[in-house]
Every structure is written in structure tokens, then in C-alpha cells.
């Protein structure tokens, strides 16, 4: 919020790169097919000033966890018409810190309410549920994690967003055997 995001966008019509001050909050990039917003990148990303934030406590929840089978499969095996292939995902009962964000009265955002579940051990966001003004669920997002023992760090292997209004899903940031391994070049453990 103190130092706004600096973003640029390429316009193929003019063949120019221009400053894009709007790429923040609920801006929907064309590559996301209208399913996710800019502030949903990697969980929650950007300024937090449009919401009132509430810590709802630590709870035990069934969450996407230790998804090594998914990570070791080829993309063609992972995609199905309505959701990612559940045969390769794993869910475990884990402790999560639950955070609720409610849009402030004087602010604007296309997601009025969000509930986020953060892993108690790694602090990664594991799940986000978004709700409309009537508290009806709009979308569900999950970020299955694994421990990258050779790096060493614990990160999600993808971001899957399920939009209930359009009955579509989007899979992004996939890490699988088809995709070259990320080399973090860490001098010391994360």
C-alpha cells in the first residue's frame, strides 16, 4: 500500500509496453480467463487495505498436503474436464490458522468475503474460499504443498481455482515432471 505495485502490459495493437497502474487488487488479467484476480497470485498478493482482517483461530481441517504423487505425474494424467485428477492428490487433517477478510464499507472489490487457511507449520496458504455479499460460495482455491528436500523449502505444487458460477477451473503454477525444476539458488536454507 505504501509503495504501489509497478506493472507494465504489452499492447499487441500498438506494439508497445505501457505502464499499467490498474494491475492490482481485483484486476483480472486476460491470461487468467476471468477466474482469478491479481491479488490472488500465490495465495494473497498485494495491499491489504481494502479488507477488515480477522483471525478466527487455529483449527484442524482436511487440507491438500504432501501431494508427491501429483508432483511426479505428467500433465496429461493430471487434467480432467471438471477438476484436477483427484487420484494423485492427498488430503490430511492438519492444523491451520484461519483468516477471514471482509471488504470495508468504503472500498470496492469483486470478492466481498474471503476465508483463507494457512498451514500452521510452513505458513503457506493451503486453501482460499471466496464468498459473495450473501455469503454464497463463489470459488474454491487450493495449493497442495510438498517439502522440497533438496532445496530445502516447503511450497505448493500448483494453484487450482474452481469457479462455481461458470463451472470452470484453472490450474496455474504447476510443478510436475513435465516442467523443468525450479532452481532457487539459495545460499542457505529458507
N, C-alpha and C. Protein backbone atom coordinates (compact mmCIF):
# COMPACT_ATOMS: atom_id res chain seq x y z
N UNK A 1 0.83 -1.20 0.00
CA UNK A 1 0.00 0.00 0.00
C UNK A 1 0.87 1.26 0.00
N UNK A 2 1.97 1.23 0.77
CA UNK A 2 2.84 2.40 0.84
C UNK A 2 3.58 2.62 -0.47
N UNK A 3 3.96 1.54 -1.11
CA UNK A 3 4.66 1.64 -2.39
C UNK A 3 3.89 0.76 -3.39
N UNK A 4 2.97 1.33 -4.16
CA UNK A 4 2.11 0.54 -5.06
C UNK A 4 2.92 -0.27 -6.07
N UNK A 5 2.31 -1.36 -6.49
CA UNK A 5 2.92 -2.25 -7.47
C UNK A 5 3.23 -1.48 -8.75
N UNK A 6 4.36 -1.77 -9.32
CA UNK A 6 4.73 -1.19 -10.60
C UNK A 6 4.60 -2.29 -11.64
N UNK A 7 3.66 -2.12 -12.54
CA UNK A 7 3.39 -3.15 -13.54
C UNK A 7 3.29 -2.52 -14.92
N UNK A 8 3.63 -3.31 -15.91
CA UNK A 8 3.56 -2.88 -17.30
C UNK A 8 2.83 -3.95 -18.10
N UNK A 9 2.19 -3.55 -19.16
CA UNK A 9 1.47 -4.50 -20.02
C UNK A 9 1.84 -4.23 -21.48
N UNK A 10 1.96 -5.30 -22.23
CA UNK A 10 2.26 -5.18 -23.65
C UNK A 10 0.96 -5.12 -24.42
N UNK A 11 0.82 -4.12 -25.30
CA UNK A 11 -0.35 -3.99 -26.14
C UNK A 11 0.05 -4.39 -27.56
N UNK A 12 -0.46 -5.55 -28.05
CA UNK A 12 -0.07 -6.01 -29.38
C UNK A 12 -0.54 -5.07 -30.50
N UNK A 13 -1.62 -4.31 -30.27
CA UNK A 13 -2.12 -3.39 -31.28
C UNK A 13 -1.15 -2.25 -31.57
N UNK A 14 -0.55 -1.73 -30.52
CA UNK A 14 0.40 -0.62 -30.70
C UNK A 14 1.85 -1.10 -30.67
N UNK A 15 2.04 -2.36 -30.35
CA UNK A 15 3.37 -2.96 -30.21
C UNK A 15 4.23 -2.16 -29.23
N UNK A 16 3.60 -1.78 -28.13
CA UNK A 16 4.31 -1.01 -27.11
C UNK A 16 4.02 -1.59 -25.72
N UNK A 17 4.98 -1.39 -24.84
CA UNK A 17 4.80 -1.72 -23.43
C UNK A 17 4.47 -0.42 -22.72
N UNK A 18 3.38 -0.45 -21.95
CA UNK A 18 2.95 0.77 -21.27
C UNK A 18 2.75 0.50 -19.78
N UNK A 19 2.90 1.55 -19.01
CA UNK A 19 2.66 1.46 -17.57
C UNK A 19 1.21 1.12 -17.35
N UNK A 20 0.95 0.20 -16.43
CA UNK A 20 -0.41 -0.26 -16.16
C UNK A 20 -0.71 -0.09 -14.66
N UNK A 21 -1.16 1.07 -14.25
CA UNK A 21 -1.40 1.30 -12.82
C UNK A 21 -2.56 0.50 -12.25
N UNK A 22 -3.43 -0.02 -13.11
CA UNK A 22 -4.61 -0.75 -12.63
C UNK A 22 -4.33 -2.20 -12.26
N UNK A 23 -3.14 -2.70 -12.52
CA UNK A 23 -2.87 -4.12 -12.27
C UNK A 23 -2.62 -4.31 -10.78
N UNK A 24 -3.72 -4.42 -10.05
CA UNK A 24 -3.69 -4.63 -8.60
C UNK A 24 -5.10 -5.05 -8.16
N UNK A 25 -5.22 -5.43 -6.94
CA UNK A 25 -6.49 -5.78 -6.32
C UNK A 25 -7.31 -6.76 -7.17
N UNK A 26 -8.49 -6.31 -7.68
CA UNK A 26 -9.39 -7.23 -8.39
C UNK A 26 -9.27 -7.16 -9.90
N UNK A 27 -8.18 -6.63 -10.39
CA UNK A 27 -7.93 -6.67 -11.83
C UNK A 27 -7.82 -8.13 -12.26
N UNK A 28 -8.48 -8.46 -13.38
CA UNK A 28 -8.46 -9.83 -13.89
C UNK A 28 -7.61 -9.90 -15.16
N UNK A 29 -6.38 -10.38 -15.05
CA UNK A 29 -5.54 -10.49 -16.24
C UNK A 29 -6.16 -11.41 -17.28
N UNK A 30 -5.97 -11.10 -18.56
CA UNK A 30 -6.57 -11.92 -19.62
C UNK A 30 -6.07 -13.35 -19.59
N UNK A 31 -4.85 -13.58 -19.16
CA UNK A 31 -4.32 -14.95 -19.10
C UNK A 31 -5.04 -15.79 -18.06
N UNK A 32 -5.74 -15.17 -17.13
CA UNK A 32 -6.46 -15.90 -16.08
C UNK A 32 -7.90 -16.22 -16.47
N UNK A 33 -8.30 -15.87 -17.66
CA UNK A 33 -9.63 -16.17 -18.19
C UNK A 33 -10.76 -15.68 -17.28
N UNK A 34 -10.52 -14.64 -16.51
CA UNK A 34 -11.56 -14.09 -15.65
C UNK A 34 -11.84 -14.91 -14.41
N UNK A 35 -11.00 -15.87 -14.10
CA UNK A 35 -11.25 -16.75 -12.95
C UNK A 35 -10.60 -16.24 -11.68
N UNK A 36 -9.41 -15.64 -11.79
CA UNK A 36 -8.72 -15.15 -10.60
C UNK A 36 -8.34 -13.68 -10.78
N UNK A 37 -8.09 -13.05 -9.66
CA UNK A 37 -7.71 -11.64 -9.65
C UNK A 37 -6.21 -11.50 -9.37
N UNK A 38 -5.69 -10.31 -9.60
CA UNK A 38 -4.27 -10.05 -9.37
C UNK A 38 -3.87 -10.32 -7.94
N UNK A 39 -4.72 -9.95 -6.99
CA UNK A 39 -4.32 -10.16 -5.59
C UNK A 39 -4.46 -11.60 -5.13
N UNK A 40 -4.84 -12.51 -6.02
CA UNK A 40 -4.89 -13.92 -5.68
C UNK A 40 -3.64 -14.68 -6.13
N UNK A 41 -2.69 -14.00 -6.72
CA UNK A 41 -1.47 -14.67 -7.17
C UNK A 41 -0.73 -15.23 -5.97
N UNK A 42 -0.37 -16.51 -6.04
CA UNK A 42 0.38 -17.18 -4.96
C UNK A 42 -0.32 -17.09 -3.60
N UNK A 43 -1.62 -17.14 -3.59
CA UNK A 43 -2.37 -17.07 -2.34
C UNK A 43 -3.04 -15.72 -2.24
N UNK A 44 -2.44 -14.82 -1.46
CA UNK A 44 -2.89 -13.44 -1.42
C UNK A 44 -1.68 -12.58 -1.69
N UNK A 45 -1.83 -11.61 -2.61
CA UNK A 45 -0.68 -10.84 -3.06
C UNK A 45 -1.08 -9.38 -3.21
N UNK A 46 -0.40 -8.50 -2.53
CA UNK A 46 -0.67 -7.08 -2.70
C UNK A 46 -1.09 -6.41 -1.42
N UNK A 47 -1.59 -5.19 -1.57
CA UNK A 47 -2.00 -4.38 -0.42
C UNK A 47 -3.22 -4.99 0.27
N UNK A 48 -3.27 -4.85 1.58
CA UNK A 48 -4.35 -5.43 2.38
C UNK A 48 -5.35 -4.38 2.87
N UNK A 49 -5.30 -3.19 2.30
CA UNK A 49 -6.06 -2.07 2.82
C UNK A 49 -7.55 -2.09 2.51
N UNK A 50 -8.01 -2.94 1.63
CA UNK A 50 -9.45 -2.92 1.26
C UNK A 50 -10.31 -3.81 2.16
N UNK A 51 -9.67 -4.58 3.01
CA UNK A 51 -10.40 -5.53 3.86
C UNK A 51 -10.19 -5.27 5.34
N UNK A 52 -11.18 -5.69 6.13
CA UNK A 52 -11.02 -5.85 7.57
C UNK A 52 -10.58 -7.30 7.75
N UNK A 53 -9.54 -7.52 8.54
CA UNK A 53 -8.94 -8.85 8.69
C UNK A 53 -9.24 -9.39 10.08
N UNK A 54 -9.64 -10.69 10.12
CA UNK A 54 -9.99 -11.33 11.38
C UNK A 54 -9.29 -12.69 11.48
N UNK A 55 -8.61 -12.92 12.59
CA UNK A 55 -8.02 -14.22 12.85
C UNK A 55 -9.07 -15.06 13.57
N UNK A 56 -9.50 -16.17 12.95
CA UNK A 56 -10.56 -17.00 13.52
C UNK A 56 -10.02 -18.14 14.37
N UNK A 57 -8.72 -18.19 14.54
CA UNK A 57 -8.13 -19.21 15.39
C UNK A 57 -7.47 -20.34 14.60
N UNK A 58 -6.92 -21.27 15.34
CA UNK A 58 -6.30 -22.46 14.74
C UNK A 58 -7.32 -23.59 14.80
N UNK A 59 -7.50 -24.26 13.66
CA UNK A 59 -8.47 -25.36 13.56
C UNK A 59 -7.82 -26.56 12.88
N UNK A 60 -8.37 -27.74 13.15
CA UNK A 60 -7.96 -28.93 12.41
C UNK A 60 -8.87 -29.05 11.19
N UNK A 61 -8.28 -29.11 10.00
CA UNK A 61 -9.04 -29.20 8.76
C UNK A 61 -8.38 -30.19 7.81
N UNK A 62 -9.19 -30.78 6.95
CA UNK A 62 -8.68 -31.65 5.89
C UNK A 62 -8.17 -30.75 4.78
N UNK A 63 -6.87 -30.82 4.50
CA UNK A 63 -6.22 -29.90 3.56
C UNK A 63 -5.35 -30.66 2.56
N UNK A 64 -5.12 -30.05 1.37
CA UNK A 64 -4.23 -30.67 0.38
C UNK A 64 -2.79 -30.62 0.91
N UNK A 65 -2.17 -31.79 1.04
CA UNK A 65 -0.91 -31.87 1.78
C UNK A 65 -0.08 -33.03 1.26
N UNK A 66 1.22 -32.89 1.25
CA UNK A 66 2.13 -33.96 0.82
C UNK A 66 1.69 -34.59 -0.50
N UNK A 67 1.50 -33.76 -1.51
CA UNK A 67 0.98 -34.19 -2.81
C UNK A 67 2.11 -34.65 -3.74
N UNK A 68 2.94 -35.55 -3.25
CA UNK A 68 4.10 -36.00 -4.03
C UNK A 68 3.69 -36.77 -5.28
N UNK A 69 2.60 -37.57 -5.19
CA UNK A 69 2.15 -38.31 -6.38
C UNK A 69 1.78 -37.37 -7.52
N UNK A 70 1.11 -36.29 -7.20
CA UNK A 70 0.73 -35.30 -8.20
C UNK A 70 1.98 -34.68 -8.83
N UNK A 71 2.94 -34.37 -8.01
CA UNK A 71 4.18 -33.73 -8.46
C UNK A 71 4.96 -34.63 -9.41
N UNK A 72 4.83 -35.93 -9.27
CA UNK A 72 5.61 -36.88 -10.08
C UNK A 72 4.87 -37.37 -11.33
N UNK A 73 3.71 -36.83 -11.63
CA UNK A 73 2.93 -37.25 -12.80
C UNK A 73 3.08 -36.27 -13.95
N UNK A 74 2.78 -36.76 -15.16
CA UNK A 74 2.78 -35.90 -16.34
C UNK A 74 1.47 -35.12 -16.40
N UNK A 75 1.51 -33.95 -17.01
CA UNK A 75 0.33 -33.08 -17.07
C UNK A 75 -0.88 -33.77 -17.68
N UNK A 76 -0.68 -34.57 -18.71
CA UNK A 76 -1.81 -35.24 -19.36
C UNK A 76 -2.58 -36.13 -18.39
N UNK A 77 -1.91 -36.68 -17.39
CA UNK A 77 -2.57 -37.53 -16.39
C UNK A 77 -3.28 -36.71 -15.32
N UNK A 78 -2.93 -35.45 -15.21
CA UNK A 78 -3.43 -34.63 -14.11
C UNK A 78 -4.72 -33.89 -14.42
N UNK A 79 -4.99 -33.64 -15.69
CA UNK A 79 -6.14 -32.82 -16.07
C UNK A 79 -7.35 -33.67 -16.44
N UNK A 80 -8.50 -33.32 -15.90
CA UNK A 80 -9.77 -33.92 -16.27
C UNK A 80 -10.71 -32.77 -16.63
N UNK A 81 -11.88 -33.04 -17.23
CA UNK A 81 -12.74 -31.94 -17.68
C UNK A 81 -13.23 -30.99 -16.58
N UNK A 82 -13.49 -31.48 -15.36
CA UNK A 82 -14.10 -30.63 -14.34
C UNK A 82 -13.22 -30.28 -13.15
N UNK A 83 -12.10 -30.97 -13.00
CA UNK A 83 -11.21 -30.73 -11.86
C UNK A 83 -9.91 -31.47 -12.10
N UNK A 84 -8.89 -31.15 -11.30
CA UNK A 84 -7.65 -31.90 -11.43
C UNK A 84 -7.89 -33.32 -10.96
N UNK A 85 -7.09 -34.24 -11.45
CA UNK A 85 -7.27 -35.66 -11.15
C UNK A 85 -7.01 -35.93 -9.67
N UNK A 86 -8.09 -36.25 -8.97
CA UNK A 86 -8.01 -36.47 -7.52
C UNK A 86 -7.27 -37.76 -7.14
N UNK A 87 -7.04 -38.64 -8.11
CA UNK A 87 -6.30 -39.87 -7.81
C UNK A 87 -4.88 -39.58 -7.35
N UNK A 88 -4.35 -38.41 -7.70
CA UNK A 88 -2.96 -38.11 -7.40
C UNK A 88 -2.79 -37.07 -6.29
N UNK A 89 -3.91 -36.61 -5.73
CA UNK A 89 -3.81 -35.64 -4.62
C UNK A 89 -3.99 -36.36 -3.29
N UNK A 90 -3.47 -35.74 -2.28
CA UNK A 90 -3.56 -36.31 -0.93
C UNK A 90 -4.07 -35.20 0.00
N UNK A 91 -4.97 -35.57 0.90
CA UNK A 91 -5.51 -34.62 1.87
C UNK A 91 -5.25 -35.18 3.26
N UNK A 92 -4.83 -34.30 4.17
CA UNK A 92 -4.53 -34.71 5.53
C UNK A 92 -5.20 -33.76 6.52
N UNK A 93 -5.50 -34.29 7.68
CA UNK A 93 -6.04 -33.48 8.76
C UNK A 93 -4.87 -32.74 9.42
N UNK A 94 -4.82 -31.43 9.23
CA UNK A 94 -3.70 -30.63 9.74
C UNK A 94 -4.22 -29.40 10.48
N UNK A 95 -3.36 -28.82 11.29
CA UNK A 95 -3.68 -27.56 11.98
C UNK A 95 -3.47 -26.41 11.02
N UNK A 96 -4.49 -25.58 10.89
CA UNK A 96 -4.41 -24.40 10.03
C UNK A 96 -4.83 -23.16 10.81
N UNK A 97 -4.22 -22.05 10.47
CA UNK A 97 -4.63 -20.75 11.00
C UNK A 97 -5.65 -20.19 10.02
N UNK A 98 -6.83 -19.86 10.52
CA UNK A 98 -7.94 -19.42 9.67
C UNK A 98 -8.06 -17.90 9.75
N UNK A 99 -8.05 -17.26 8.58
CA UNK A 99 -8.13 -15.81 8.49
C UNK A 99 -9.32 -15.45 7.60
N UNK A 100 -10.15 -14.52 8.07
CA UNK A 100 -11.28 -14.06 7.27
C UNK A 100 -11.05 -12.60 6.90
N UNK A 101 -11.35 -12.26 5.65
CA UNK A 101 -11.24 -10.89 5.18
C UNK A 101 -12.61 -10.45 4.68
N UNK A 102 -13.09 -9.33 5.22
CA UNK A 102 -14.38 -8.77 4.82
C UNK A 102 -14.13 -7.38 4.24
N UNK A 103 -14.68 -7.14 3.08
CA UNK A 103 -14.50 -5.87 2.39
C UNK A 103 -15.00 -4.70 3.25
N UNK A 104 -14.18 -3.66 3.35
CA UNK A 104 -14.59 -2.46 4.09
C UNK A 104 -15.73 -1.77 3.34
N UNK A 105 -16.60 -1.09 4.09
CA UNK A 105 -17.77 -0.43 3.51
C UNK A 105 -17.42 0.61 2.45
N UNK A 106 -16.32 1.29 2.62
CA UNK A 106 -15.96 2.37 1.69
C UNK A 106 -15.02 1.91 0.57
N UNK A 107 -14.81 0.60 0.45
CA UNK A 107 -13.90 0.07 -0.57
C UNK A 107 -14.64 -0.77 -1.59
N UNK A 108 -13.98 -0.99 -2.73
CA UNK A 108 -14.56 -1.76 -3.83
C UNK A 108 -13.64 -2.94 -4.14
N UNK A 109 -14.25 -4.11 -4.36
CA UNK A 109 -13.52 -5.31 -4.79
C UNK A 109 -14.58 -6.32 -5.23
N UNK A 110 -14.29 -7.11 -6.26
CA UNK A 110 -15.29 -8.08 -6.73
C UNK A 110 -15.42 -9.29 -5.80
N UNK A 111 -14.49 -9.43 -4.84
CA UNK A 111 -14.60 -10.50 -3.84
C UNK A 111 -14.89 -9.84 -2.49
N UNK A 112 -16.16 -9.87 -2.06
CA UNK A 112 -16.50 -9.18 -0.81
C UNK A 112 -16.02 -9.90 0.46
N UNK A 113 -15.94 -11.22 0.40
CA UNK A 113 -15.55 -12.00 1.59
C UNK A 113 -14.62 -13.13 1.18
N UNK A 114 -13.59 -13.37 2.00
CA UNK A 114 -12.66 -14.46 1.74
C UNK A 114 -12.31 -15.13 3.07
N UNK A 115 -12.14 -16.43 2.99
CA UNK A 115 -11.62 -17.17 4.14
C UNK A 115 -10.39 -17.92 3.65
N UNK A 116 -9.29 -17.75 4.38
CA UNK A 116 -8.00 -18.34 3.98
C UNK A 116 -7.51 -19.25 5.09
N UNK A 117 -6.92 -20.37 4.67
CA UNK A 117 -6.41 -21.37 5.60
C UNK A 117 -4.90 -21.50 5.39
N UNK A 118 -4.13 -21.16 6.44
CA UNK A 118 -2.67 -21.19 6.37
C UNK A 118 -2.13 -22.34 7.20
N UNK A 119 -1.22 -23.10 6.61
CA UNK A 119 -0.59 -24.21 7.29
C UNK A 119 0.11 -23.71 8.55
N UNK A 120 -0.14 -24.38 9.66
CA UNK A 120 0.45 -23.99 10.93
C UNK A 120 1.96 -24.20 10.95
N UNK A 121 2.46 -25.18 10.19
CA UNK A 121 3.89 -25.49 10.20
C UNK A 121 4.68 -24.66 9.18
N UNK A 122 4.25 -24.67 7.93
CA UNK A 122 5.02 -23.99 6.87
C UNK A 122 4.57 -22.54 6.64
N UNK A 123 3.39 -22.19 7.14
CA UNK A 123 2.78 -20.86 6.97
C UNK A 123 2.32 -20.60 5.54
N UNK A 124 2.32 -21.62 4.68
CA UNK A 124 1.80 -21.48 3.32
C UNK A 124 0.28 -21.43 3.35
N UNK A 125 -0.32 -20.67 2.41
CA UNK A 125 -1.76 -20.74 2.24
C UNK A 125 -2.07 -22.08 1.57
N UNK A 126 -3.01 -22.83 2.13
CA UNK A 126 -3.39 -24.12 1.57
C UNK A 126 -4.71 -24.04 0.82
N UNK A 127 -5.63 -23.21 1.30
CA UNK A 127 -6.97 -23.11 0.70
C UNK A 127 -7.48 -21.68 0.87
N UNK A 128 -8.23 -21.22 -0.15
CA UNK A 128 -8.99 -19.97 -0.02
C UNK A 128 -10.39 -20.23 -0.55
N UNK A 129 -11.38 -19.76 0.20
CA UNK A 129 -12.78 -19.80 -0.24
C UNK A 129 -13.24 -18.35 -0.39
N UNK A 130 -13.88 -18.05 -1.51
CA UNK A 130 -14.39 -16.69 -1.72
C UNK A 130 -15.91 -16.72 -1.71
N UNK A 131 -16.50 -15.66 -1.16
CA UNK A 131 -17.95 -15.59 -0.99
C UNK A 131 -18.48 -14.26 -1.50
N UNK A 132 -19.75 -14.28 -1.96
CA UNK A 132 -20.39 -13.05 -2.41
C UNK A 132 -21.02 -12.33 -1.21
N UNK A 133 -21.77 -11.26 -1.47
CA UNK A 133 -22.39 -10.47 -0.40
C UNK A 133 -23.41 -11.26 0.40
N UNK A 134 -23.97 -12.32 -0.18
CA UNK A 134 -24.97 -13.15 0.50
C UNK A 134 -24.34 -14.35 1.20
N UNK A 135 -22.99 -14.35 1.30
CA UNK A 135 -22.24 -15.44 1.91
C UNK A 135 -22.37 -16.76 1.13
N UNK A 136 -22.72 -16.66 -0.16
CA UNK A 136 -22.73 -17.84 -1.03
C UNK A 136 -21.32 -18.02 -1.60
N UNK A 137 -20.87 -19.26 -1.63
CA UNK A 137 -19.51 -19.50 -2.10
C UNK A 137 -19.41 -19.23 -3.60
N UNK A 138 -18.35 -18.50 -3.99
CA UNK A 138 -18.12 -18.18 -5.41
C UNK A 138 -17.04 -19.09 -5.99
N UNK A 139 -15.96 -19.26 -5.24
CA UNK A 139 -14.88 -20.09 -5.74
C UNK A 139 -14.12 -20.74 -4.60
N UNK A 140 -13.42 -21.80 -4.96
CA UNK A 140 -12.58 -22.54 -4.03
C UNK A 140 -11.21 -22.66 -4.67
N UNK A 141 -10.17 -22.36 -3.91
CA UNK A 141 -8.80 -22.46 -4.42
C UNK A 141 -7.99 -23.32 -3.48
N UNK A 142 -7.12 -24.17 -4.07
CA UNK A 142 -6.24 -24.94 -3.21
C UNK A 142 -4.81 -24.94 -3.72
N UNK A 143 -3.89 -25.06 -2.78
CA UNK A 143 -2.46 -25.01 -3.05
C UNK A 143 -1.80 -26.20 -2.35
N UNK A 144 -1.84 -27.40 -2.96
CA UNK A 144 -1.23 -28.57 -2.31
C UNK A 144 0.28 -28.36 -2.15
N UNK A 145 0.80 -28.71 -1.00
CA UNK A 145 2.22 -28.48 -0.75
C UNK A 145 3.00 -29.78 -0.65
N UNK A 146 4.29 -29.66 -0.91
CA UNK A 146 5.24 -30.73 -0.63
C UNK A 146 6.50 -30.08 -0.07
N UNK A 147 7.29 -30.91 0.58
CA UNK A 147 8.58 -30.44 1.07
C UNK A 147 9.61 -30.76 0.00
N UNK A 148 10.25 -29.75 -0.52
CA UNK A 148 11.33 -29.93 -1.49
C UNK A 148 12.61 -30.16 -0.68
N UNK A 149 12.91 -31.42 -0.41
CA UNK A 149 14.02 -31.74 0.48
C UNK A 149 15.36 -31.29 -0.06
N UNK A 150 15.51 -31.25 -1.38
CA UNK A 150 16.79 -30.88 -1.96
C UNK A 150 16.99 -29.36 -2.02
N UNK A 151 15.98 -28.55 -1.69
CA UNK A 151 16.13 -27.11 -1.84
C UNK A 151 16.69 -26.40 -0.60
N UNK A 152 16.32 -26.60 0.63
CA UNK A 152 15.11 -27.18 1.22
C UNK A 152 14.06 -26.10 1.49
N UNK A 153 12.83 -26.39 1.11
CA UNK A 153 11.71 -25.48 1.37
C UNK A 153 10.41 -26.23 1.15
N UNK A 154 9.35 -25.68 1.65
CA UNK A 154 8.01 -26.27 1.53
C UNK A 154 7.16 -25.29 0.72
N UNK A 155 6.69 -25.74 -0.46
CA UNK A 155 5.92 -24.88 -1.35
C UNK A 155 4.79 -25.65 -2.01
N UNK A 156 3.84 -24.89 -2.58
CA UNK A 156 2.74 -25.53 -3.31
C UNK A 156 3.25 -26.04 -4.66
N UNK A 157 2.58 -27.10 -5.14
CA UNK A 157 2.94 -27.67 -6.45
C UNK A 157 2.05 -27.13 -7.55
N UNK A 158 0.98 -26.46 -7.18
CA UNK A 158 0.11 -25.77 -8.15
C UNK A 158 -0.91 -24.92 -7.41
N UNK A 159 -1.64 -24.16 -8.19
CA UNK A 159 -2.78 -23.41 -7.69
C UNK A 159 -3.97 -23.82 -8.55
N UNK A 160 -4.96 -24.44 -7.92
CA UNK A 160 -6.18 -24.85 -8.63
C UNK A 160 -7.33 -23.99 -8.13
N UNK A 161 -7.99 -23.30 -9.05
CA UNK A 161 -9.13 -22.45 -8.71
C UNK A 161 -10.37 -23.00 -9.39
N UNK A 162 -11.42 -23.22 -8.60
CA UNK A 162 -12.69 -23.75 -9.11
C UNK A 162 -13.75 -22.66 -8.99
N UNK A 163 -14.22 -22.19 -10.15
CA UNK A 163 -15.23 -21.14 -10.21
C UNK A 163 -16.60 -21.81 -10.33
N UNK A 164 -17.46 -21.63 -9.32
CA UNK A 164 -18.74 -22.35 -9.30
C UNK A 164 -19.78 -21.75 -10.23
N UNK A 165 -19.71 -20.47 -10.50
CA UNK A 165 -20.69 -19.84 -11.40
C UNK A 165 -20.51 -20.32 -12.84
N UNK A 166 -19.27 -20.42 -13.28
CA UNK A 166 -19.00 -20.82 -14.67
C UNK A 166 -18.70 -22.32 -14.82
N UNK A 167 -18.55 -23.01 -13.69
CA UNK A 167 -18.21 -24.45 -13.67
C UNK A 167 -16.92 -24.72 -14.43
N UNK A 168 -15.96 -23.81 -14.29
CA UNK A 168 -14.65 -23.97 -14.90
C UNK A 168 -13.59 -24.00 -13.79
N UNK A 169 -12.43 -24.52 -14.17
CA UNK A 169 -11.32 -24.44 -13.24
C UNK A 169 -10.07 -24.02 -13.97
N UNK A 170 -9.14 -23.51 -13.19
CA UNK A 170 -7.88 -23.03 -13.74
C UNK A 170 -6.76 -23.63 -12.90
N UNK A 171 -5.77 -24.18 -13.58
CA UNK A 171 -4.61 -24.74 -12.92
C UNK A 171 -3.40 -23.90 -13.32
N UNK A 172 -2.73 -23.30 -12.35
CA UNK A 172 -1.58 -22.45 -12.63
C UNK A 172 -0.41 -22.83 -11.72
N UNK A 173 0.75 -22.29 -12.07
CA UNK A 173 1.97 -22.50 -11.28
C UNK A 173 2.26 -23.98 -11.02
N UNK A 174 2.05 -24.79 -12.04
CA UNK A 174 2.20 -26.24 -11.89
C UNK A 174 3.67 -26.62 -11.83
N UNK A 175 3.97 -27.48 -10.89
CA UNK A 175 5.29 -28.09 -10.79
C UNK A 175 5.08 -29.60 -10.91
N UNK A 176 5.52 -30.17 -12.03
CA UNK A 176 5.38 -31.62 -12.25
C UNK A 176 6.59 -32.11 -13.03
N UNK A 177 6.60 -33.40 -13.38
CA UNK A 177 7.76 -33.95 -14.10
C UNK A 177 7.90 -33.35 -15.49
N UNK A 178 6.82 -32.82 -16.07
CA UNK A 178 6.88 -32.20 -17.41
C UNK A 178 7.56 -30.84 -17.41
N UNK A 179 7.60 -30.22 -16.27
CA UNK A 179 8.05 -28.83 -16.18
C UNK A 179 9.42 -28.81 -15.51
N UNK A 180 10.38 -28.12 -16.11
CA UNK A 180 11.72 -28.09 -15.52
C UNK A 180 11.70 -27.63 -14.07
N UNK A 181 12.51 -28.27 -13.28
CA UNK A 181 12.58 -27.99 -11.86
C UNK A 181 13.09 -26.57 -11.62
N UNK A 182 12.49 -25.92 -10.65
CA UNK A 182 12.91 -24.57 -10.28
C UNK A 182 14.22 -24.68 -9.50
N UNK A 183 15.18 -23.90 -9.89
CA UNK A 183 16.44 -23.82 -9.16
C UNK A 183 16.45 -22.52 -8.38
N UNK A 184 16.35 -22.60 -7.08
CA UNK A 184 16.20 -21.40 -6.25
C UNK A 184 17.52 -20.71 -5.97
N UNK A 185 18.62 -21.44 -6.12
CA UNK A 185 19.96 -20.87 -5.87
C UNK A 185 20.08 -20.24 -4.47
N UNK A 186 19.63 -20.97 -3.50
CA UNK A 186 19.71 -20.45 -2.14
C UNK A 186 21.10 -20.66 -1.56
N UNK A 187 21.63 -19.65 -0.93
CA UNK A 187 22.92 -19.75 -0.26
C UNK A 187 22.79 -20.58 1.01
N UNK A 188 21.65 -20.42 1.67
CA UNK A 188 21.39 -21.16 2.91
C UNK A 188 19.91 -21.51 2.95
N UNK A 189 19.50 -22.46 3.81
CA UNK A 189 18.09 -22.89 3.84
C UNK A 189 17.12 -21.74 4.07
N UNK A 190 15.96 -21.84 3.46
CA UNK A 190 14.89 -20.85 3.54
C UNK A 190 14.39 -20.77 4.97
